[in-house]
């Protein structure tokens, strides 16, 4: 079952269960997918690839993480909790996130293959790391790990 079909089924299930947060979140995902598809129609395509769907979901998750951070800074825990609940729902559609050990392993292999040795090589390593870990890890986390490894 494709993502759009899964979301359609989840909307029905959330409506039946009267789960307001899940319903709103899944509807927002559906809306984002439909908007992206409308953008693609101009280019002559009628649907998103699986990779584009994951990218869109990852962007939605990042927005929620950023919102949580901002709400916590503003001491609005009620809003931060709502965003956290939405983030948990969005993450159910994303591929399994890589563990820190897996991320470190991938970064180490990239550093070894590119022969990166200093902070000057950050862009080269980050580009490859983001490609390999797309949808599997948060960009901020990857950047932090790469910076710490290249600083040594």
N, C-alpha and C. Protein backbone atom coordinates (compact mmCIF):
# COMPACT_ATOMS: atom_id res chain seq x y z
N UNK A 1 0.85 -1.18 0.00
CA UNK A 1 0.00 0.00 0.00
C UNK A 1 0.89 1.24 0.00
N UNK A 2 0.58 2.18 -0.89
CA UNK A 2 1.34 3.41 -0.99
C UNK A 2 1.04 4.36 0.16
N UNK A 3 1.84 5.39 0.26
CA UNK A 3 1.67 6.35 1.35
C UNK A 3 0.31 7.04 1.29
N UNK A 4 -0.12 7.44 0.11
CA UNK A 4 -1.41 8.14 0.01
C UNK A 4 -2.56 7.24 0.45
N UNK A 5 -2.51 5.97 0.05
CA UNK A 5 -3.56 5.03 0.45
C UNK A 5 -3.54 4.82 1.96
N UNK A 6 -2.32 4.68 2.50
CA UNK A 6 -2.16 4.48 3.95
C UNK A 6 -2.72 5.69 4.71
N UNK A 7 -2.44 6.86 4.23
CA UNK A 7 -2.93 8.08 4.88
C UNK A 7 -4.46 8.14 4.81
N UNK A 8 -5.01 7.77 3.67
CA UNK A 8 -6.47 7.74 3.53
C UNK A 8 -7.11 6.80 4.55
N UNK A 9 -6.51 5.63 4.71
CA UNK A 9 -7.02 4.66 5.70
C UNK A 9 -6.87 5.19 7.12
N UNK A 10 -5.74 5.86 7.38
CA UNK A 10 -5.49 6.40 8.72
C UNK A 10 -6.45 7.54 9.05
N UNK A 11 -6.83 8.32 8.05
CA UNK A 11 -7.80 9.39 8.28
C UNK A 11 -9.14 8.78 8.70
N UNK A 12 -9.56 7.74 7.97
CA UNK A 12 -10.81 7.05 8.32
C UNK A 12 -10.76 6.48 9.74
N UNK A 13 -9.64 5.84 10.07
CA UNK A 13 -9.49 5.23 11.39
C UNK A 13 -9.50 6.29 12.49
N UNK A 14 -8.84 7.41 12.25
CA UNK A 14 -8.79 8.50 13.24
C UNK A 14 -10.17 9.11 13.43
N UNK A 15 -10.93 9.21 12.35
CA UNK A 15 -12.29 9.76 12.44
C UNK A 15 -13.17 8.83 13.27
N UNK A 16 -13.06 7.54 13.01
CA UNK A 16 -13.86 6.56 13.75
C UNK A 16 -13.50 6.55 15.23
N UNK A 17 -12.18 6.68 15.50
CA UNK A 17 -11.70 6.65 16.88
C UNK A 17 -11.86 8.01 17.59
N UNK A 18 -12.27 9.03 16.82
CA UNK A 18 -12.39 10.39 17.33
C UNK A 18 -11.07 10.89 17.93
N UNK A 19 -9.98 10.54 17.27
CA UNK A 19 -8.64 10.94 17.69
C UNK A 19 -8.29 12.24 16.95
N UNK A 20 -8.58 13.36 17.61
CA UNK A 20 -8.47 14.68 16.98
C UNK A 20 -7.03 15.00 16.55
N UNK A 21 -6.05 14.73 17.41
CA UNK A 21 -4.66 15.07 17.10
C UNK A 21 -4.18 14.26 15.89
N UNK A 22 -4.44 12.96 15.90
CA UNK A 22 -4.03 12.11 14.78
C UNK A 22 -4.72 12.56 13.49
N UNK A 23 -5.99 12.85 13.58
CA UNK A 23 -6.76 13.27 12.40
C UNK A 23 -6.18 14.55 11.81
N UNK A 24 -5.92 15.55 12.65
CA UNK A 24 -5.36 16.82 12.17
C UNK A 24 -3.99 16.62 11.55
N UNK A 25 -3.17 15.80 12.20
CA UNK A 25 -1.81 15.57 11.72
C UNK A 25 -1.81 14.84 10.39
N UNK A 26 -2.59 13.78 10.29
CA UNK A 26 -2.64 13.01 9.05
C UNK A 26 -3.24 13.85 7.92
N UNK A 27 -4.21 14.65 8.24
CA UNK A 27 -4.77 15.55 7.22
C UNK A 27 -3.73 16.56 6.75
N UNK A 28 -2.90 17.05 7.66
CA UNK A 28 -1.87 18.02 7.26
C UNK A 28 -0.83 17.35 6.35
N UNK A 29 -0.54 16.08 6.61
CA UNK A 29 0.38 15.34 5.74
C UNK A 29 -0.25 15.18 4.35
N UNK A 30 -1.52 14.80 4.34
CA UNK A 30 -2.22 14.62 3.06
C UNK A 30 -2.24 15.93 2.27
N UNK A 31 -2.50 17.02 2.97
CA UNK A 31 -2.54 18.34 2.32
C UNK A 31 -1.17 18.67 1.71
N UNK A 32 -0.10 18.42 2.47
CA UNK A 32 1.25 18.70 1.97
C UNK A 32 1.56 17.84 0.74
N UNK A 33 1.15 16.57 0.77
CA UNK A 33 1.38 15.69 -0.37
C UNK A 33 0.62 16.18 -1.61
N UNK A 34 -0.63 16.57 -1.40
CA UNK A 34 -1.44 17.06 -2.52
C UNK A 34 -0.87 18.35 -3.10
N UNK A 35 -0.42 19.25 -2.23
CA UNK A 35 0.17 20.50 -2.71
C UNK A 35 1.42 20.23 -3.54
N UNK A 36 2.23 19.29 -3.07
CA UNK A 36 3.46 18.95 -3.80
C UNK A 36 3.12 18.33 -5.16
N UNK A 37 2.09 17.50 -5.20
CA UNK A 37 1.67 16.89 -6.46
C UNK A 37 1.18 17.95 -7.45
N UNK A 38 0.48 18.96 -6.94
CA UNK A 38 0.01 20.04 -7.81
C UNK A 38 1.21 20.77 -8.41
N UNK A 39 2.24 20.99 -7.61
CA UNK A 39 3.46 21.63 -8.11
C UNK A 39 4.09 20.80 -9.22
N UNK A 40 4.06 19.48 -9.06
CA UNK A 40 4.68 18.59 -10.05
C UNK A 40 3.90 18.51 -11.35
N UNK A 41 2.60 18.76 -11.29
CA UNK A 41 1.78 18.69 -12.51
C UNK A 41 2.27 19.69 -13.56
N UNK A 42 2.77 20.81 -13.10
CA UNK A 42 3.32 21.83 -14.01
C UNK A 42 4.51 21.25 -14.78
N UNK A 43 5.23 20.35 -14.11
CA UNK A 43 6.40 19.73 -14.73
C UNK A 43 6.03 18.48 -15.54
N UNK A 44 4.74 18.16 -15.59
CA UNK A 44 4.30 17.01 -16.37
C UNK A 44 4.26 15.70 -15.61
N UNK A 45 4.45 15.74 -14.31
CA UNK A 45 4.39 14.53 -13.49
C UNK A 45 3.10 14.55 -12.68
N UNK A 46 2.57 13.38 -12.39
CA UNK A 46 1.31 13.36 -11.66
C UNK A 46 1.41 12.78 -10.25
N UNK A 47 2.57 12.24 -9.89
CA UNK A 47 2.69 11.72 -8.52
C UNK A 47 4.13 11.84 -8.02
N UNK A 48 4.26 11.73 -6.71
CA UNK A 48 5.57 11.82 -6.06
C UNK A 48 6.24 10.45 -6.06
N UNK A 49 7.55 10.45 -6.12
CA UNK A 49 8.29 9.20 -5.94
C UNK A 49 8.34 8.90 -4.45
N UNK A 50 8.68 7.68 -4.11
CA UNK A 50 8.78 7.30 -2.70
C UNK A 50 9.81 8.16 -1.98
N UNK A 51 10.90 8.48 -2.66
CA UNK A 51 11.95 9.32 -2.07
C UNK A 51 11.43 10.73 -1.78
N UNK A 52 10.64 11.26 -2.70
CA UNK A 52 10.07 12.60 -2.51
C UNK A 52 9.06 12.60 -1.36
N UNK A 53 8.32 11.52 -1.21
CA UNK A 53 7.38 11.42 -0.09
C UNK A 53 8.12 11.42 1.24
N UNK A 54 9.21 10.67 1.30
CA UNK A 54 10.01 10.62 2.53
C UNK A 54 10.61 11.98 2.82
N UNK A 55 11.09 12.65 1.77
CA UNK A 55 11.67 13.98 1.93
C UNK A 55 10.63 14.96 2.50
N UNK A 56 9.42 14.88 1.99
CA UNK A 56 8.34 15.75 2.45
C UNK A 56 8.01 15.45 3.92
N UNK A 57 7.94 14.18 4.27
CA UNK A 57 7.67 13.80 5.66
C UNK A 57 8.80 14.23 6.59
N UNK A 58 10.03 14.10 6.12
CA UNK A 58 11.18 14.52 6.93
C UNK A 58 11.13 16.03 7.18
N UNK A 59 10.71 16.78 6.16
CA UNK A 59 10.58 18.23 6.31
C UNK A 59 9.50 18.56 7.34
N UNK A 60 8.38 17.82 7.29
CA UNK A 60 7.31 18.04 8.26
C UNK A 60 7.80 17.74 9.68
N UNK A 61 8.57 16.65 9.81
CA UNK A 61 9.10 16.28 11.12
C UNK A 61 10.07 17.35 11.64
N UNK A 62 10.91 17.86 10.74
CA UNK A 62 11.86 18.91 11.13
C UNK A 62 11.13 20.16 11.60
N UNK A 63 10.04 20.52 10.90
CA UNK A 63 9.26 21.69 11.31
C UNK A 63 8.73 21.49 12.72
N UNK A 64 8.27 20.29 13.02
CA UNK A 64 7.74 20.02 14.36
C UNK A 64 8.85 20.10 15.40
N UNK A 65 10.02 19.55 15.09
CA UNK A 65 11.15 19.61 16.05
C UNK A 65 11.53 21.06 16.32
N UNK A 66 11.60 21.86 15.28
CA UNK A 66 11.95 23.28 15.43
C UNK A 66 10.89 23.99 16.27
N UNK A 67 9.62 23.68 16.02
CA UNK A 67 8.54 24.30 16.79
C UNK A 67 8.61 23.92 18.26
N UNK A 68 8.91 22.65 18.52
CA UNK A 68 9.03 22.19 19.92
C UNK A 68 10.12 22.99 20.62
N UNK A 69 11.26 23.14 19.93
CA UNK A 69 12.38 23.89 20.50
C UNK A 69 11.97 25.33 20.82
N UNK A 70 11.28 25.98 19.88
CA UNK A 70 10.86 27.37 20.08
C UNK A 70 9.83 27.49 21.20
N UNK A 71 8.87 26.57 21.25
CA UNK A 71 7.85 26.63 22.29
C UNK A 71 8.45 26.39 23.67
N UNK A 72 9.44 25.51 23.75
CA UNK A 72 10.08 25.27 25.04
C UNK A 72 10.88 26.48 25.49
N UNK A 73 11.52 27.17 24.55
CA UNK A 73 12.24 28.40 24.89
C UNK A 73 11.28 29.46 25.41
N UNK A 74 10.08 29.49 24.82
CA UNK A 74 9.07 30.48 25.22
C UNK A 74 8.26 30.00 26.43
N UNK A 75 8.63 28.85 26.97
CA UNK A 75 7.97 28.26 28.13
C UNK A 75 6.48 28.01 27.88
N UNK A 76 6.18 27.50 26.69
CA UNK A 76 4.81 27.11 26.32
C UNK A 76 4.77 25.59 26.16
N UNK A 77 4.84 24.91 27.29
CA UNK A 77 4.90 23.46 27.28
C UNK A 77 3.65 22.83 26.65
N UNK A 78 2.50 23.49 26.80
CA UNK A 78 1.26 22.96 26.21
C UNK A 78 1.39 22.85 24.69
N UNK A 79 1.94 23.88 24.06
CA UNK A 79 2.12 23.86 22.61
C UNK A 79 3.24 22.90 22.20
N UNK A 80 4.28 22.83 23.01
CA UNK A 80 5.39 21.91 22.73
C UNK A 80 4.89 20.46 22.79
N UNK A 81 4.02 20.15 23.74
CA UNK A 81 3.47 18.80 23.86
C UNK A 81 2.61 18.45 22.64
N UNK A 82 1.84 19.41 22.16
CA UNK A 82 0.99 19.18 20.98
C UNK A 82 1.88 18.88 19.76
N UNK A 83 2.94 19.66 19.58
CA UNK A 83 3.86 19.45 18.47
C UNK A 83 4.56 18.09 18.61
N UNK A 84 4.91 17.70 19.84
CA UNK A 84 5.57 16.42 20.07
C UNK A 84 4.65 15.26 19.70
N UNK A 85 3.37 15.40 20.01
CA UNK A 85 2.39 14.37 19.64
C UNK A 85 2.28 14.26 18.12
N UNK A 86 2.27 15.40 17.44
CA UNK A 86 2.21 15.39 15.98
C UNK A 86 3.48 14.79 15.38
N UNK A 87 4.63 15.11 15.98
CA UNK A 87 5.90 14.57 15.52
C UNK A 87 5.90 13.04 15.62
N UNK A 88 5.40 12.51 16.72
CA UNK A 88 5.35 11.06 16.91
C UNK A 88 4.51 10.40 15.82
N UNK A 89 3.43 11.05 15.44
CA UNK A 89 2.56 10.50 14.39
C UNK A 89 3.27 10.54 13.04
N UNK A 90 3.93 11.65 12.73
CA UNK A 90 4.65 11.79 11.46
C UNK A 90 5.76 10.75 11.37
N UNK A 91 6.45 10.51 12.48
CA UNK A 91 7.56 9.56 12.47
C UNK A 91 7.12 8.13 12.17
N UNK A 92 5.83 7.82 12.38
CA UNK A 92 5.36 6.47 12.06
C UNK A 92 5.38 6.22 10.55
N UNK A 93 5.37 7.28 9.75
CA UNK A 93 5.40 7.14 8.29
C UNK A 93 6.82 7.18 7.73
N UNK A 94 7.77 7.62 8.53
CA UNK A 94 9.15 7.71 8.09
C UNK A 94 9.86 6.37 8.25
N UNK A 95 10.92 6.14 7.46
CA UNK A 95 11.70 4.91 7.65
C UNK A 95 12.32 4.91 9.04
N UNK A 96 12.66 3.72 9.51
CA UNK A 96 13.28 3.59 10.82
C UNK A 96 14.52 4.48 10.89
N UNK A 97 14.61 5.25 11.97
CA UNK A 97 15.74 6.16 12.13
C UNK A 97 17.01 5.38 12.49
N UNK A 98 18.11 5.82 11.94
CA UNK A 98 19.40 5.17 12.21
C UNK A 98 19.84 5.49 13.64
N UNK A 99 20.48 4.51 14.26
CA UNK A 99 20.99 4.72 15.61
C UNK A 99 22.26 5.58 15.52
N UNK A 100 22.66 6.11 16.66
CA UNK A 100 23.86 6.96 16.67
C UNK A 100 25.08 6.15 16.23
N UNK A 101 25.14 4.87 16.61
CA UNK A 101 26.26 4.01 16.22
C UNK A 101 26.29 3.83 14.70
N UNK A 102 25.11 3.64 14.09
CA UNK A 102 25.04 3.48 12.63
C UNK A 102 25.45 4.78 11.93
N UNK A 103 25.00 5.91 12.48
CA UNK A 103 25.37 7.21 11.89
C UNK A 103 26.88 7.41 11.97
N UNK A 104 27.45 7.11 13.14
CA UNK A 104 28.90 7.25 13.32
C UNK A 104 29.67 6.37 12.34
N UNK A 105 29.18 5.15 12.15
CA UNK A 105 29.84 4.21 11.24
C UNK A 105 29.85 4.76 9.82
N UNK A 106 28.72 5.29 9.37
CA UNK A 106 28.62 5.84 8.02
C UNK A 106 29.52 7.07 7.88
N UNK A 107 29.50 7.95 8.89
CA UNK A 107 30.34 9.15 8.85
C UNK A 107 31.81 8.77 8.81
N UNK A 108 32.20 7.78 9.63
CA UNK A 108 33.60 7.34 9.64
C UNK A 108 34.03 6.81 8.27
N UNK A 109 33.15 6.04 7.63
CA UNK A 109 33.51 5.49 6.31
C UNK A 109 33.61 6.62 5.27
N UNK A 110 32.77 7.63 5.38
CA UNK A 110 32.84 8.77 4.45
C UNK A 110 34.13 9.55 4.66
N UNK A 111 34.46 9.79 5.92
CA UNK A 111 35.70 10.52 6.23
C UNK A 111 36.90 9.75 5.70
N UNK A 112 36.88 8.44 5.88
CA UNK A 112 37.98 7.60 5.40
C UNK A 112 38.07 7.62 3.87
N UNK A 113 36.93 7.50 3.19
CA UNK A 113 36.94 7.44 1.72
C UNK A 113 37.30 8.79 1.09
N UNK A 114 36.91 9.90 1.74
CA UNK A 114 37.23 11.22 1.19
C UNK A 114 38.56 11.76 1.70
N UNK A 115 39.14 11.04 2.65
CA UNK A 115 40.41 11.45 3.29
C UNK A 115 40.27 12.84 3.93
N UNK A 116 39.10 13.11 4.47
CA UNK A 116 38.84 14.39 5.15
C UNK A 116 39.63 14.40 6.45
N UNK A 117 40.22 15.56 6.77
CA UNK A 117 41.04 15.62 7.97
C UNK A 117 40.80 16.86 8.83
N UNK A 118 40.13 17.86 8.27
CA UNK A 118 39.93 19.08 9.05
C UNK A 118 38.54 19.65 8.80
N UNK A 119 38.25 20.73 9.51
CA UNK A 119 36.95 21.38 9.38
C UNK A 119 36.74 21.93 7.97
N UNK A 120 37.81 22.11 7.21
CA UNK A 120 37.70 22.59 5.83
C UNK A 120 36.93 21.59 4.96
N UNK A 121 36.99 20.33 5.34
CA UNK A 121 36.35 19.26 4.56
C UNK A 121 34.90 19.01 4.99
N UNK A 122 34.37 19.86 5.86
CA UNK A 122 33.02 19.66 6.39
C UNK A 122 31.98 19.54 5.29
N UNK A 123 32.00 20.44 4.32
CA UNK A 123 31.01 20.43 3.24
C UNK A 123 31.02 19.15 2.43
N UNK A 124 32.22 18.67 2.13
CA UNK A 124 32.37 17.45 1.34
C UNK A 124 31.76 16.26 2.10
N UNK A 125 32.08 16.14 3.38
CA UNK A 125 31.59 15.03 4.20
C UNK A 125 30.08 15.16 4.42
N UNK A 126 29.62 16.37 4.72
CA UNK A 126 28.19 16.58 4.98
C UNK A 126 27.34 16.23 3.76
N UNK A 127 27.80 16.61 2.58
CA UNK A 127 27.04 16.32 1.36
C UNK A 127 26.82 14.83 1.19
N UNK A 128 27.88 14.05 1.35
CA UNK A 128 27.77 12.60 1.20
C UNK A 128 26.96 11.99 2.34
N UNK A 129 27.16 12.49 3.55
CA UNK A 129 26.44 11.95 4.71
C UNK A 129 24.95 12.20 4.58
N UNK A 130 24.57 13.39 4.15
CA UNK A 130 23.15 13.71 4.01
C UNK A 130 22.50 12.85 2.92
N UNK A 131 23.25 12.55 1.87
CA UNK A 131 22.71 11.68 0.81
C UNK A 131 22.46 10.27 1.35
N UNK A 132 23.44 9.74 2.07
CA UNK A 132 23.33 8.36 2.56
C UNK A 132 22.31 8.22 3.69
N UNK A 133 22.15 9.27 4.48
CA UNK A 133 21.28 9.19 5.65
C UNK A 133 19.94 9.91 5.45
N UNK A 134 19.62 10.26 4.22
CA UNK A 134 18.39 10.99 3.92
C UNK A 134 17.17 10.26 4.49
N UNK A 135 16.42 10.95 5.35
CA UNK A 135 15.22 10.37 5.93
C UNK A 135 15.48 9.44 7.09
N UNK A 136 16.75 9.11 7.33
CA UNK A 136 17.08 8.17 8.41
C UNK A 136 17.67 8.85 9.63
N UNK A 137 18.07 10.11 9.48
CA UNK A 137 18.67 10.84 10.61
C UNK A 137 18.46 12.33 10.43
N UNK A 138 18.41 13.04 11.54
CA UNK A 138 18.23 14.48 11.54
C UNK A 138 19.52 15.17 11.10
N UNK A 139 19.39 16.17 10.24
CA UNK A 139 20.55 16.88 9.71
C UNK A 139 21.40 17.54 10.79
N UNK A 140 20.74 18.09 11.83
CA UNK A 140 21.49 18.73 12.91
C UNK A 140 22.37 17.72 13.64
N UNK A 141 21.82 16.54 13.85
CA UNK A 141 22.57 15.48 14.54
C UNK A 141 23.77 15.05 13.71
N UNK A 142 23.56 14.89 12.40
CA UNK A 142 24.65 14.51 11.50
C UNK A 142 25.73 15.58 11.52
N UNK A 143 25.31 16.84 11.42
CA UNK A 143 26.28 17.94 11.40
C UNK A 143 27.11 17.98 12.69
N UNK A 144 26.45 17.80 13.82
CA UNK A 144 27.15 17.82 15.10
C UNK A 144 28.20 16.71 15.15
N UNK A 145 27.84 15.51 14.71
CA UNK A 145 28.78 14.39 14.74
C UNK A 145 29.94 14.60 13.77
N UNK A 146 29.64 15.11 12.57
CA UNK A 146 30.70 15.35 11.59
C UNK A 146 31.67 16.41 12.11
N UNK A 147 31.13 17.49 12.67
CA UNK A 147 31.98 18.56 13.21
C UNK A 147 32.89 18.03 14.31
N UNK A 148 32.34 17.21 15.20
CA UNK A 148 33.16 16.69 16.31
C UNK A 148 34.25 15.77 15.80
N UNK A 149 33.97 15.00 14.75
CA UNK A 149 34.98 14.09 14.22
C UNK A 149 36.08 14.84 13.45
N UNK A 150 35.71 15.91 12.77
CA UNK A 150 36.69 16.66 11.99
C UNK A 150 37.48 17.65 12.84
N UNK A 151 36.99 17.93 14.03
CA UNK A 151 37.68 18.87 14.92
C UNK A 151 38.88 18.19 15.59
N UNK A 152 38.85 16.88 15.68
CA UNK A 152 39.92 16.15 16.39
C UNK A 152 41.21 16.14 15.63
